[in-house]
Amino acid sequence: MKLILLGAPGAGKGTVAKMLTELDGSVQISTGDILRGAVKAGTDLGKEAKGYMDAGDLVPDALIMGIMGERLQEDDCKQGFLLDGFPRTIPQAEELKTLLADLGITLDMAVSLDVPRDVILDRLTTRRTCSNSECQAIYNTKSNPTKVEGVCDKCGSPTIQRDDETEEAISNRLETYNEKTAPLVGFYEKEGMLLSVNATSSDAVVSAIQEAIK
């Protein structure tokens, strides 16, 4: 399957993507992952992106599209791919449409995960991440706690609450999302490619996607 996953931070895009990859071998692609991959591989575009990232600046759209174009042509994408958190803006969506047409790739649909704000706040403020950069395992103090409080089950490092997962930071992230990314729902609706799923259960979201793709 070839999908775009849309939804606010904490809507469950990453969890749904992982479940879908296990179903049919599609690969999950996030902008952060492809940028880090390009930097690590030392490609020309990766070196250029590293300059922006090291300076703490946003990587320009043109550069992201170039790296995305390279990534989508890799062999593992032939089985299918799930774009997680990309595109983020209407201009990126328009450029992606052009890029996919140039590559002869047809998207199945864009899936919008509609999750109530209070659920998102609860999910993210209770999320804890392993502080070991090699591990980065994710837990939740309510739904998926560590066996020993504050200690990662996998590597024994301390678990932390990320700076961007305090209530204030999450409220700011949701405002940014509503302003810049939420309009993508309308964009893909006009394209006739939108599937909106109003569910807090990842299993329910995956079932709805499977049903729609049949």
C-alpha atoms as a PDB file:
ATOM      1  CA  MET A   1       0.000   0.000   0.000  1.00  0.00           C
ATOM      2  CA  LYS A   2       1.088   3.566  -0.673  1.00  0.00           C
ATOM      3  CA  LEU A   3      -0.369   5.937   1.909  1.00  0.00           C
ATOM      4  CA  ILE A   4       0.025   9.347   3.489  1.00  0.00           C
ATOM      5  CA  LEU A   5      -0.788   9.402   7.210  1.00  0.00           C
ATOM      6  CA  LEU A   6      -2.159  12.709   8.470  1.00  0.00           C
ATOM      7  CA  GLY A   7      -2.944  13.608  12.066  1.00  0.00           C
ATOM      8  CA  ALA A   8      -1.911  15.829  14.939  1.00  0.00           C
ATOM      9  CA  PRO A   9       1.106  14.991  17.125  1.00  0.00           C
ATOM     10  CA  GLY A  10       0.006  12.098  19.345  1.00  0.00           C
ATOM     11  CA  ALA A  11      -2.764  10.945  16.987  1.00  0.00           C
ATOM     12  CA  GLY A  12      -1.014   7.579  16.634  1.00  0.00           C
ATOM     13  CA  LYS A  13       0.486   7.845  13.125  1.00  0.00           C
ATOM     14  CA  GLY A  14       3.703   6.065  14.138  1.00  0.00           C
ATOM     15  CA  THR A  15       1.884   3.186  15.853  1.00  0.00           C
ATOM     16  CA  VAL A  16      -0.507   2.711  12.910  1.00  0.00           C
ATOM     17  CA  ALA A  17       2.397   2.849  10.441  1.00  0.00           C
ATOM     18  CA  LYS A  18       4.292   0.119  12.327  1.00  0.00           C
ATOM     19  CA  MET A  19       1.191  -2.111  12.341  1.00  0.00           C
ATOM     20  CA  LEU A  20       0.657  -1.581   8.603  1.00  0.00           C
ATOM     21  CA  THR A  21       4.290  -2.366   7.725  1.00  0.00           C
ATOM     22  CA  GLU A  22       3.887  -5.737   9.427  1.00  0.00           C
ATOM     23  CA  LEU A  23       0.840  -6.495   7.264  1.00  0.00           C
ATOM     24  CA  ASP A  24       2.346  -6.142   3.805  1.00  0.00           C
ATOM     25  CA  GLY A  25       6.005  -5.163   4.041  1.00  0.00           C
ATOM     26  CA  SER A  26       5.452  -1.478   3.223  1.00  0.00           C
ATOM     27  CA  VAL A  27       8.158   0.799   4.637  1.00  0.00           C
ATOM     28  CA  GLN A  28       7.460   3.653   7.043  1.00  0.00           C
ATOM     29  CA  ILE A  29       9.052   6.914   5.917  1.00  0.00           C
ATOM     30  CA  SER A  30       9.210  10.002   8.107  1.00  0.00           C
ATOM     31  CA  THR A  31      10.953  13.225   7.100  1.00  0.00           C
ATOM     32  CA  GLY A  32      13.222  13.014  10.134  1.00  0.00           C
ATOM     33  CA  ASP A  33      14.275   9.482   9.238  1.00  0.00           C
ATOM     34  CA  ILE A  34      15.068  10.240   5.597  1.00  0.00           C
ATOM     35  CA  LEU A  35      17.012  13.383   6.526  1.00  0.00           C
ATOM     36  CA  ARG A  36      19.056  11.483   9.127  1.00  0.00           C
ATOM     37  CA  GLY A  37      19.554   8.646   6.610  1.00  0.00           C
ATOM     38  CA  ALA A  38      20.800  11.011   3.904  1.00  0.00           C
ATOM     39  CA  VAL A  39      23.151  12.750   6.364  1.00  0.00           C
ATOM     40  CA  LYS A  40      24.517   9.395   7.578  1.00  0.00           C
ATOM     41  CA  ALA A  41      24.967   8.149   3.990  1.00  0.00           C
ATOM     42  CA  GLY A  42      26.884  11.349   3.196  1.00  0.00           C
ATOM     43  CA  THR A  43      24.991  12.000  -0.063  1.00  0.00           C
ATOM     44  CA  ASP A  44      25.327  15.457  -1.619  1.00  0.00           C
ATOM     45  CA  LEU A  45      21.791  16.322  -0.546  1.00  0.00           C
ATOM     46  CA  GLY A  46      22.514  14.881   2.906  1.00  0.00           C
ATOM     47  CA  LYS A  47      25.576  17.083   3.329  1.00  0.00           C
ATOM     48  CA  GLU A  48      23.536  20.112   2.304  1.00  0.00           C
ATOM     49  CA  ALA A  49      20.743  19.210   4.743  1.00  0.00           C
ATOM     50  CA  LYS A  50      23.275  18.684   7.563  1.00  0.00           C
ATOM     51  CA  GLY A  51      24.354  22.328   7.248  1.00  0.00           C
ATOM     52  CA  TYR A  52      20.802  23.503   7.962  1.00  0.00           C
ATOM     53  CA  MET A  53      20.198  20.939  10.714  1.00  0.00           C
ATOM     54  CA  ASP A  54      23.454  21.750  12.522  1.00  0.00           C
ATOM     55  CA  ALA A  55      22.517  25.431  12.470  1.00  0.00           C
ATOM     56  CA  GLY A  56      19.092  24.609  13.923  1.00  0.00           C
ATOM     57  CA  ASP A  57      17.348  25.871  10.773  1.00  0.00           C
ATOM     58  CA  LEU A  58      14.458  24.243   8.897  1.00  0.00           C
ATOM     59  CA  VAL A  59      15.589  22.282   5.869  1.00  0.00           C
ATOM     60  CA  PRO A  60      14.102  23.991   2.748  1.00  0.00           C
ATOM     61  CA  ASP A  61      11.262  22.224   0.930  1.00  0.00           C
ATOM     62  CA  ALA A  62      13.264  21.877  -2.302  1.00  0.00           C
ATOM     63  CA  LEU A  63      15.963  19.929  -0.466  1.00  0.00           C
ATOM     64  CA  ILE A  64      13.450  17.723   1.366  1.00  0.00           C
ATOM     65  CA  MET A  65      11.734  16.936  -1.943  1.00  0.00           C
ATOM     66  CA  GLY A  66      15.083  15.980  -3.502  1.00  0.00           C
ATOM     67  CA  ILE A  67      15.861  13.602  -0.633  1.00  0.00           C
ATOM     68  CA  MET A  68      12.288  12.243  -0.724  1.00  0.00           C
ATOM     69  CA  GLY A  69      12.639  11.611  -4.463  1.00  0.00           C
ATOM     70  CA  GLU A  70      15.804   9.577  -3.863  1.00  0.00           C
ATOM     71  CA  ARG A  71      14.201   7.648  -0.985  1.00  0.00           C
ATOM     72  CA  LEU A  72      11.060   6.687  -2.937  1.00  0.00           C
ATOM     73  CA  GLN A  73      13.181   5.150  -5.675  1.00  0.00           C
ATOM     74  CA  GLU A  74      14.964   2.763  -3.318  1.00  0.00           C
ATOM     75  CA  ASP A  75      14.112  -0.933  -3.719  1.00  0.00           C
ATOM     76  CA  ASP A  76      12.310  -1.332  -0.401  1.00  0.00           C
ATOM     77  CA  CYS A  77       9.645   1.174  -1.516  1.00  0.00           C
ATOM     78  CA  LYS A  78       8.517  -1.071  -4.370  1.00  0.00           C
ATOM     79  CA  GLN A  79       6.514  -3.127  -1.859  1.00  0.00           C
ATOM     80  CA  GLY A  80       4.745   0.052  -0.682  1.00  0.00           C
ATOM     81  CA  PHE A  81       5.397   2.974   1.652  1.00  0.00           C
ATOM     82  CA  LEU A  82       3.695   4.970   4.388  1.00  0.00           C
ATOM     83  CA  LEU A  83       4.524   8.670   4.576  1.00  0.00           C
ATOM     84  CA  ASP A  84       4.364   9.550   8.276  1.00  0.00           C
ATOM     85  CA  GLY A  85       4.217  13.275   9.016  1.00  0.00           C
ATOM     86  CA  PHE A  86       4.896  14.336   5.423  1.00  0.00           C
ATOM     87  CA  PRO A  87       3.768  16.461   3.678  1.00  0.00           C
ATOM     88  CA  ARG A  88       3.278  19.117   6.382  1.00  0.00           C
ATOM     89  CA  THR A  89       2.058  22.010   4.239  1.00  0.00           C
ATOM     90  CA  ILE A  90      -0.017  22.560   1.074  1.00  0.00           C
ATOM     91  CA  PRO A  91       3.071  23.612  -0.979  1.00  0.00           C
ATOM     92  CA  GLN A  92       4.793  20.366   0.060  1.00  0.00           C
ATOM     93  CA  ALA A  93       1.661  18.388  -0.916  1.00  0.00           C
ATOM     94  CA  GLU A  94       1.618  20.036  -4.346  1.00  0.00           C
ATOM     95  CA  GLU A  95       5.330  19.329  -4.872  1.00  0.00           C
ATOM     96  CA  LEU A  96       4.855  15.729  -3.712  1.00  0.00           C
ATOM     97  CA  LYS A  97       2.030  15.300  -6.238  1.00  0.00           C
ATOM     98  CA  THR A  98       4.373  16.441  -9.023  1.00  0.00           C
ATOM     99  CA  LEU A  99       7.219  14.253  -7.756  1.00  0.00           C
ATOM    100  CA  LEU A 100       5.047  11.115  -7.606  1.00  0.00           C
ATOM    101  CA  ALA A 101       3.704  11.783 -11.109  1.00  0.00           C
ATOM    102  CA  ASP A 102       7.292  12.150 -12.391  1.00  0.00           C
ATOM    103  CA  LEU A 103       8.230   8.841 -10.739  1.00  0.00           C
ATOM    104  CA  GLY A 104       5.093   7.109 -12.040  1.00  0.00           C
ATOM    105  CA  ILE A 105       3.907   6.326  -8.500  1.00  0.00           C
ATOM    106  CA  THR A 106       0.183   6.298  -7.653  1.00  0.00           C
ATOM    107  CA  LEU A 107      -0.898   6.876  -4.057  1.00  0.00           C
ATOM    108  CA  ASP A 108      -3.720   4.731  -2.665  1.00  0.00           C
ATOM    109  CA  MET A 109      -5.030   7.416  -0.315  1.00  0.00           C
ATOM    110  CA  ALA A 110      -4.325   9.942   2.415  1.00  0.00           C
ATOM    111  CA  VAL A 111      -5.581   8.812   5.822  1.00  0.00           C
ATOM    112  CA  SER A 112      -6.543  11.407   8.421  1.00  0.00           C
ATOM    113  CA  LEU A 113      -6.518  10.208  12.046  1.00  0.00           C
ATOM    114  CA  ASP A 114      -9.071  12.252  13.992  1.00  0.00           C
ATOM    115  CA  VAL A 115      -8.353  12.048  17.712  1.00  0.00           C
ATOM    116  CA  PRO A 116      -9.862  14.377  20.361  1.00  0.00           C
ATOM    117  CA  ARG A 117      -7.517  17.000  21.845  1.00  0.00           C
ATOM    118  CA  ASP A 118      -7.937  15.712  25.426  1.00  0.00           C
ATOM    119  CA  VAL A 119      -6.879  12.202  24.326  1.00  0.00           C
ATOM    120  CA  ILE A 120      -3.771  13.606  22.586  1.00  0.00           C
ATOM    121  CA  LEU A 121      -2.816  15.676  25.646  1.00  0.00           C
ATOM    122  CA  ASP A 122      -3.243  12.646  27.877  1.00  0.00           C
ATOM    123  CA  ARG A 123      -1.220  10.402  25.555  1.00  0.00           C
ATOM    124  CA  LEU A 124       1.706  12.768  25.134  1.00  0.00           C
ATOM    125  CA  THR A 125       2.022  14.084  28.683  1.00  0.00           C
ATOM    126  CA  THR A 126       2.216  10.480  29.949  1.00  0.00           C
ATOM    127  CA  ARG A 127       4.754   9.397  27.295  1.00  0.00           C
ATOM    128  CA  ARG A 128       8.294   8.617  28.439  1.00  0.00           C
ATOM    129  CA  THR A 129      11.325   8.016  26.207  1.00  0.00           C
ATOM    130  CA  CYS A 130      14.560   6.164  26.955  1.00  0.00           C
ATOM    131  CA  SER A 131      17.358   8.730  27.366  1.00  0.00           C
ATOM    132  CA  ASN A 132      19.872   6.445  25.618  1.00  0.00           C
ATOM    133  CA  SER A 133      20.162   7.788  22.041  1.00  0.00           C
ATOM    134  CA  GLU A 134      20.963   4.275  20.768  1.00  0.00           C
ATOM    135  CA  CYS A 135      17.721   2.889  22.265  1.00  0.00           C
ATOM    136  CA  GLN A 136      15.004   5.585  22.369  1.00  0.00           C
ATOM    137  CA  ALA A 137      12.339   3.052  23.451  1.00  0.00           C
ATOM    138  CA  ILE A 138       8.972   4.694  24.123  1.00  0.00           C
ATOM    139  CA  TYR A 139       6.746   3.967  27.114  1.00  0.00           C
ATOM    140  CA  ASN A 140       3.583   5.393  28.652  1.00  0.00           C
ATOM    141  CA  THR A 141       3.097   5.757  32.397  1.00  0.00           C
ATOM    142  CA  LYS A 142      -0.553   4.652  32.011  1.00  0.00           C
ATOM    143  CA  SER A 143      -0.861   2.249  29.101  1.00  0.00           C
ATOM    144  CA  ASN A 144       2.691   0.885  28.735  1.00  0.00           C
ATOM    145  CA  PRO A 145       4.757   1.559  31.888  1.00  0.00           C
ATOM    146  CA  THR A 146       8.313   0.333  32.462  1.00  0.00           C
ATOM    147  CA  LYS A 147       8.721  -2.649  34.815  1.00  0.00           C
ATOM    148  CA  VAL A 148      10.779  -0.442  37.158  1.00  0.00           C
ATOM    149  CA  GLU A 149       9.564   3.146  37.319  1.00  0.00           C
ATOM    150  CA  GLY A 150      11.861   5.519  35.414  1.00  0.00           C
ATOM    151  CA  VAL A 151      14.126   2.745  34.062  1.00  0.00           C
ATOM    152  CA  CYS A 152      14.093   1.479  30.452  1.00  0.00           C
ATOM    153  CA  ASP A 153      13.156  -2.228  30.196  1.00  0.00           C
ATOM    154  CA  LYS A 154      15.434  -2.718  27.199  1.00  0.00           C
ATOM    155  CA  CYS A 155      18.726  -1.080  28.202  1.00  0.00           C
ATOM    156  CA  GLY A 156      18.377   0.079  31.815  1.00  0.00           C
ATOM    157  CA  SER A 157      18.899   3.778  31.046  1.00  0.00           C
ATOM    158  CA  PRO A 158      16.685   6.413  32.718  1.00  0.00           C
ATOM    159  CA  THR A 159      13.418   7.273  30.939  1.00  0.00           C
ATOM    160  CA  ILE A 160      12.575  10.959  30.540  1.00  0.00           C
ATOM    161  CA  GLN A 161       9.722  13.237  29.555  1.00  0.00           C
ATOM    162  CA  ARG A 162      10.830  15.072  26.414  1.00  0.00           C
ATOM    163  CA  ASP A 163      10.825  18.879  26.518  1.00  0.00           C
ATOM    164  CA  ASP A 164       8.270  18.953  23.675  1.00  0.00           C
ATOM    165  CA  GLU A 165       5.875  16.670  25.582  1.00  0.00           C
ATOM    166  CA  THR A 166       4.956  18.965  28.465  1.00  0.00           C
ATOM    167  CA  GLU A 167       1.360  20.245  28.373  1.00  0.00           C
ATOM    168  CA  GLU A 168       2.444  23.742  27.317  1.00  0.00           C
ATOM    169  CA  ALA A 169       4.722  22.461  24.544  1.00  0.00           C
ATOM    170  CA  ILE A 170       2.035  20.092  23.255  1.00  0.00           C
ATOM    171  CA  SER A 171      -0.542  22.904  23.149  1.00  0.00           C
ATOM    172  CA  ASN A 172       1.907  24.924  21.018  1.00  0.00           C
ATOM    173  CA  ARG A 173       2.542  21.945  18.728  1.00  0.00           C
ATOM    174  CA  LEU A 174      -1.202  21.422  18.269  1.00  0.00           C
ATOM    175  CA  GLU A 175      -1.687  25.109  17.396  1.00  0.00           C
ATOM    176  CA  THR A 176       1.090  24.885  14.788  1.00  0.00           C
ATOM    177  CA  TYR A 177      -0.467  21.704  13.397  1.00  0.00           C
ATOM    178  CA  ASN A 178      -3.951  23.257  13.158  1.00  0.00           C
ATOM    179  CA  GLU A 179      -2.558  26.320  11.401  1.00  0.00           C
ATOM    180  CA  LYS A 180      -0.165  24.686   8.920  1.00  0.00           C
ATOM    181  CA  THR A 181      -0.902  20.973   8.537  1.00  0.00           C
ATOM    182  CA  ALA A 182      -4.642  20.533   9.168  1.00  0.00           C
ATOM    183  CA  PRO A 183      -5.477  22.243   5.807  1.00  0.00           C
ATOM    184  CA  LEU A 184      -3.970  19.164   4.090  1.00  0.00           C
ATOM    185  CA  VAL A 185      -7.161  17.302   4.983  1.00  0.00           C
ATOM    186  CA  GLY A 186      -9.077  19.669   2.697  1.00  0.00           C
ATOM    187  CA  PHE A 187      -6.401  19.365   0.004  1.00  0.00           C
ATOM    188  CA  TYR A 188      -6.659  15.558  -0.170  1.00  0.00           C
ATOM    189  CA  GLU A 189     -10.441  15.668   0.132  1.00  0.00           C
ATOM    190  CA  LYS A 190     -10.543  17.807  -3.031  1.00  0.00           C
ATOM    191  CA  GLU A 191      -8.193  15.303  -4.701  1.00  0.00           C
ATOM    192  CA  GLY A 192     -10.748  12.594  -3.856  1.00  0.00           C
ATOM    193  CA  MET A 193      -8.118  10.645  -1.926  1.00  0.00           C
ATOM    194  CA  LEU A 194      -9.083  11.220   1.708  1.00  0.00           C
ATOM    195  CA  LEU A 195     -10.072   8.588   4.248  1.00  0.00           C
ATOM    196  CA  SER A 196     -10.996  10.114   7.639  1.00  0.00           C
ATOM    197  CA  VAL A 197     -10.907   7.717  10.576  1.00  0.00           C
ATOM    198  CA  ASN A 198     -12.404   8.850  13.859  1.00  0.00           C
ATOM    199  CA  ALA A 199     -11.042   6.304  16.333  1.00  0.00           C
ATOM    200  CA  THR A 200      -8.683   6.239  19.302  1.00  0.00           C
ATOM    201  CA  SER A 201      -7.812   2.556  18.823  1.00  0.00           C
ATOM    202  CA  SER A 202      -4.931   1.809  16.433  1.00  0.00           C
ATOM    203  CA  ASP A 203      -6.515  -1.567  15.609  1.00  0.00           C
ATOM    204  CA  ALA A 204      -9.717   0.202  14.507  1.00  0.00           C
ATOM    205  CA  VAL A 205      -7.711   2.589  12.300  1.00  0.00           C
ATOM    206  CA  VAL A 206      -5.809  -0.275  10.646  1.00  0.00           C
ATOM    207  CA  SER A 207      -9.068  -2.180  10.031  1.00  0.00           C
ATOM    208  CA  ALA A 208     -10.644   0.898   8.417  1.00  0.00           C
ATOM    209  CA  ILE A 209      -7.628   1.334   6.128  1.00  0.00           C
ATOM    210  CA  GLN A 210      -7.641  -2.340   5.108  1.00  0.00           C
ATOM    211  CA  GLU A 211     -11.375  -2.141   4.374  1.00  0.00           C
ATOM    212  CA  ALA A 212     -10.943   1.002   2.242  1.00  0.00           C
ATOM    213  CA  ILE A 213      -8.079  -0.450   0.204  1.00  0.00           C
ATOM    214  CA  LYS A 214      -9.923  -3.666  -0.727  1.00  0.00           C
END
